[in-house]
Structure formats: C-alpha cells, structure tokens
C-alpha cells in the first residue's frame, strides 16, 4: 500500500473531519485534526478570507500542509444571510434552524445555496490552491431527515426534492458544496503533490 499524504484539516468539528475523509477515501490523502490550541479568529468578510485565516493558523501550529474550508448557507431573500455567520446565527443548531424558518415565514422566495471555499497552504502558510463549491436548493417550511448536521434538515436540494438530511452520506458527499470543492481540491493535490 502506498504512503498516504497527511494534511491537517483546519477544523475542530469532528463531523467535518469524518465527512472529508469519507470523500477522500481511496485518494491517497488522509486528513487529520490540527493540534490543540487551534482557535483562529474568523474575522474575514468572505468565505475565502475565513478559509485562508484558518488554513494559515493550522499550518502555523502544526508545521504541516493544511486545508481549511469556510462554508455557509446563503438565502436569496435575506440578501445572502446567514452567509459567513451561518455557524454563529444563533447559539445552537436547532435555534439557528428555528430563526431561519421564522425569518422566512412570510417570504415566498426560498431559494438558497450552500457555499464552500477551500484553501490549501503549505507548512509555511503559502497558498497552493483555492477551490469553491456550491450546492443550490431552497429552504423547506419544516425539518425533514436525520442525516447530516447544521441546516441540512431544511435545505431541499435542486433536482432531488429531498433535504440534505434525507440523503445517504454517499449521495450528500457527491453533490454537497463541500463535496464539490473537496473533489476539485483532491484532483489538484493528486496532480501536483502526490
């Protein structure tokens, strides 16, 4: 068996780490969590800026190549909100869903998209590659499904007619914003670094 390339995935979220390793399965790449003390200040005003901040911080504390993603839900009728504030829209995942459904309760346009920006840096924090993934859909009127996390139970994916939380992990990993961005990133890593 060939040696795997190990890359720090700049997150404290074990769900995300598991998801990216499932997507990367068989690619020759293994993602690992950053060392203790990883706590970047996400002060960027775009997904790309926050992704870069996280990647640089992870490479600094690990002295390893690092990949970061910053992602969120952008709702058309709310001028792109919650956007980069998706994880901080409310204190808990359920409260975030409740707030979003409440804010859309009198709005007919429920179009939305998940956006994921990924940045890969070398061990010195120099940018090697950036990728964007988007998944389009709309916000449901109520929650459905138990898979996934975050806003997945209220995001109906275009052309599928079900929420992201009703999808199998395999399907979600193929069509999600993170899956799309990561697939492009894996191709870059395999072509340029393996």
Protein backbone atom coordinates (compact mmCIF):
# COMPACT_ATOMS: atom_id res chain seq x y z
CA UNK A 1 0.00 0.00 0.00
CA UNK A 2 1.35 3.40 -0.95
CA UNK A 3 2.05 6.01 1.68
CA UNK A 4 -0.74 8.46 2.26
CA UNK A 5 -0.10 12.17 2.25
CA UNK A 6 -1.27 13.64 5.56
CA UNK A 7 -2.81 17.08 5.54
CA UNK A 8 -4.14 18.97 8.54
CA UNK A 9 -7.82 19.82 8.07
CA UNK A 10 -8.35 23.11 9.88
CA UNK A 11 -11.42 22.38 11.98
CA UNK A 12 -12.43 21.48 15.49
CA UNK A 13 -15.56 19.80 14.06
CA UNK A 14 -15.19 16.00 14.07
CA UNK A 15 -18.30 15.68 11.81
CA UNK A 16 -16.50 17.73 9.14
CA UNK A 17 -13.28 15.72 9.51
CA UNK A 18 -15.18 12.45 9.10
CA UNK A 19 -17.02 13.86 6.06
CA UNK A 20 -13.84 15.00 4.28
CA UNK A 21 -12.10 11.68 4.96
CA UNK A 22 -15.12 9.79 3.53
CA UNK A 23 -14.98 11.97 0.40
CA UNK A 24 -11.18 11.50 0.16
CA UNK A 25 -11.36 7.72 0.71
CA UNK A 26 -9.06 5.91 -1.74
CA UNK A 27 -7.41 9.15 -2.92
CA UNK A 28 -4.07 8.65 -1.16
CA UNK A 29 -4.83 11.58 1.15
CA UNK A 30 -5.65 11.45 4.85
CA UNK A 31 -6.90 14.49 6.73
CA UNK A 32 -6.10 14.91 10.42
CA UNK A 33 -7.22 17.39 13.07
CA UNK A 34 -4.96 20.32 13.99
CA UNK A 35 -3.09 20.20 17.30
CA UNK A 36 -4.67 21.52 20.48
CA UNK A 37 -4.82 25.29 20.61
CA UNK A 38 -6.29 25.72 17.12
CA UNK A 39 -8.66 28.67 17.57
CA UNK A 40 -8.39 31.15 14.68
CA UNK A 41 -10.21 34.49 14.75
CA UNK A 42 -12.58 34.27 11.80
CA UNK A 43 -12.58 37.98 11.01
CA UNK A 44 -12.79 37.73 7.21
CA UNK A 45 -15.75 39.20 5.35
CA UNK A 46 -15.93 36.39 2.76
CA UNK A 47 -15.81 32.59 2.90
CA UNK A 48 -12.47 32.76 1.04
CA UNK A 49 -10.89 35.10 3.61
CA UNK A 50 -12.01 32.99 6.57
CA UNK A 51 -10.80 29.82 4.83
CA UNK A 52 -7.36 31.38 4.37
CA UNK A 53 -7.22 32.57 8.01
CA UNK A 54 -8.00 29.03 9.25
CA UNK A 55 -5.54 27.33 6.86
CA UNK A 56 -2.67 29.65 7.84
CA UNK A 57 -3.38 29.20 11.56
CA UNK A 58 -3.46 25.39 11.22
CA UNK A 59 -0.19 25.31 9.28
CA UNK A 60 1.44 27.62 11.84
CA UNK A 61 0.60 25.47 14.86
CA UNK A 62 1.13 22.10 13.12
CA UNK A 63 4.07 22.97 10.82
CA UNK A 64 2.28 20.89 8.17
CA UNK A 65 0.42 21.42 4.92
CA UNK A 66 -3.12 22.46 5.85
CA UNK A 67 -6.51 22.63 4.20
CA UNK A 68 -9.33 24.79 5.50
CA UNK A 69 -12.88 25.31 4.43
CA UNK A 70 -15.31 28.01 5.29
CA UNK A 71 -18.86 27.38 4.35
CA UNK A 72 -22.34 28.58 4.97
CA UNK A 73 -25.88 28.95 3.79
CA UNK A 74 -26.80 31.97 1.67
CA UNK A 75 -30.52 32.72 1.37
CA UNK A 76 -31.51 34.89 -1.59
CA UNK A 77 -34.45 36.67 0.10
CA UNK A 78 -32.28 37.53 3.12
CA UNK A 79 -29.58 39.21 0.99
CA UNK A 80 -27.29 36.21 1.39
CA UNK A 81 -27.75 35.83 5.15
CA UNK A 82 -26.81 33.96 7.27
CA UNK A 83 -23.78 33.63 4.95
CA UNK A 84 -20.42 33.78 6.73
CA UNK A 85 -22.33 33.99 10.02
CA UNK A 86 -24.12 30.65 9.43
CA UNK A 87 -22.47 28.91 12.40
CA UNK A 88 -22.99 31.96 14.64
CA UNK A 89 -26.56 32.85 13.56
CA UNK A 90 -27.84 31.55 16.91
CA UNK A 91 -26.35 29.58 19.84
CA UNK A 92 -27.42 26.04 18.86
CA UNK A 93 -28.09 24.21 15.57
CA UNK A 94 -31.82 23.93 16.39
CA UNK A 95 -32.07 27.63 17.29
CA UNK A 96 -30.34 28.53 14.00
CA UNK A 97 -32.89 26.49 12.05
CA UNK A 98 -35.81 27.98 14.03
CA UNK A 99 -34.57 31.54 13.46
CA UNK A 100 -34.12 30.99 9.72
CA UNK A 101 -37.58 29.41 9.31
CA UNK A 102 -39.09 32.29 11.30
CA UNK A 103 -37.30 34.90 9.17
CA UNK A 104 -38.66 33.24 6.02
CA UNK A 105 -42.16 32.55 7.32
CA UNK A 106 -43.81 35.30 5.23
CA UNK A 107 -41.49 35.07 2.20
CA UNK A 108 -42.28 33.14 -0.97
CA UNK A 109 -38.76 33.19 -2.46
CA UNK A 110 -36.98 30.41 -0.58
CA UNK A 111 -34.03 29.99 -2.98
CA UNK A 112 -30.74 29.34 -1.23
CA UNK A 113 -27.31 27.87 -1.78
CA UNK A 114 -24.63 26.31 0.35
CA UNK A 115 -21.20 27.74 -0.46
CA UNK A 116 -17.84 26.22 0.48
CA UNK A 117 -14.48 27.92 -0.05
CA UNK A 118 -11.38 25.75 0.45
CA UNK A 119 -7.80 26.93 0.76
CA UNK A 120 -4.71 24.71 0.76
CA UNK A 121 -1.48 26.13 2.18
CA UNK A 122 2.00 24.66 2.58
CA UNK A 123 3.64 24.28 6.00
CA UNK A 124 4.80 27.91 5.79
CA UNK A 125 1.31 29.24 5.10
CA UNK A 126 1.80 29.93 1.39
CA UNK A 127 -1.36 29.40 -0.69
CA UNK A 128 -1.11 26.38 -3.01
CA UNK A 129 -4.70 26.28 -4.27
CA UNK A 130 -8.22 27.61 -3.67
CA UNK A 131 -11.49 25.99 -4.74
CA UNK A 132 -15.18 26.92 -4.45
CA UNK A 133 -18.13 24.55 -4.33
CA UNK A 134 -21.82 25.48 -4.44
CA UNK A 135 -24.97 23.44 -3.93
CA UNK A 136 -28.25 25.09 -4.93
CA UNK A 137 -31.69 24.50 -3.50
CA UNK A 138 -34.37 26.08 -1.38
CA UNK A 139 -35.38 26.29 2.26
CA UNK A 140 -38.22 23.97 3.26
CA UNK A 141 -41.07 25.09 5.50
CA UNK A 142 -40.27 22.39 8.09
CA UNK A 143 -37.48 20.00 9.03
CA UNK A 144 -37.07 16.55 7.43
CA UNK A 145 -34.38 13.92 7.79
CA UNK A 146 -31.88 12.89 10.41
CA UNK A 147 -28.58 12.65 8.49
CA UNK A 148 -26.10 15.48 8.31
CA UNK A 149 -25.84 18.49 10.57
CA UNK A 150 -26.38 22.24 10.62
CA UNK A 151 -29.02 23.43 8.16
CA UNK A 152 -29.22 20.08 6.30
CA UNK A 153 -32.77 19.24 7.57
CA UNK A 154 -34.27 22.38 5.94
CA UNK A 155 -32.25 22.54 2.70
CA UNK A 156 -34.07 20.91 -0.25
CA UNK A 157 -31.52 20.18 -2.97
CA UNK A 158 -32.38 21.24 -6.53
CA UNK A 159 -33.41 18.30 -8.77
CA UNK A 160 -33.66 15.88 -5.81
CA UNK A 161 -36.82 17.03 -3.99
CA UNK A 162 -35.49 15.96 -0.60
CA UNK A 163 -33.49 17.71 2.12
CA UNK A 164 -29.79 17.16 2.52
CA UNK A 165 -30.60 15.42 5.84
CA UNK A 166 -32.74 12.85 3.96
CA UNK A 167 -29.86 11.85 1.65
CA UNK A 168 -27.47 8.98 2.13
CA UNK A 169 -23.97 10.04 3.18
CA UNK A 170 -22.71 8.78 -0.17
CA UNK A 171 -25.08 10.96 -2.20
CA UNK A 172 -24.61 14.00 0.02
CA UNK A 173 -20.81 13.75 -0.22
CA UNK A 174 -21.08 13.67 -4.01
CA UNK A 175 -23.41 16.66 -4.51
CA UNK A 176 -22.76 18.89 -1.48
CA UNK A 177 -20.87 22.19 -1.62
CA UNK A 178 -18.08 20.65 0.47
CA UNK A 179 -18.02 17.52 -1.68
CA UNK A 180 -17.71 19.57 -4.88
CA UNK A 181 -14.94 21.84 -3.53
CA UNK A 182 -13.05 18.92 -1.98
CA UNK A 183 -13.23 16.78 -5.14
CA UNK A 184 -11.63 19.64 -7.09
CA UNK A 185 -9.01 20.07 -4.34
CA UNK A 186 -8.20 16.33 -4.26
CA UNK A 187 -7.64 16.37 -8.04
CA UNK A 188 -5.23 19.30 -7.60
CA UNK A 189 -3.36 17.51 -4.78
CA UNK A 190 -3.11 14.25 -6.74
CA UNK A 191 -1.86 16.03 -9.86
CA UNK A 192 0.55 18.44 -8.16
CA UNK A 193 1.66 16.91 -4.86
CA UNK A 194 1.34 13.11 -4.89
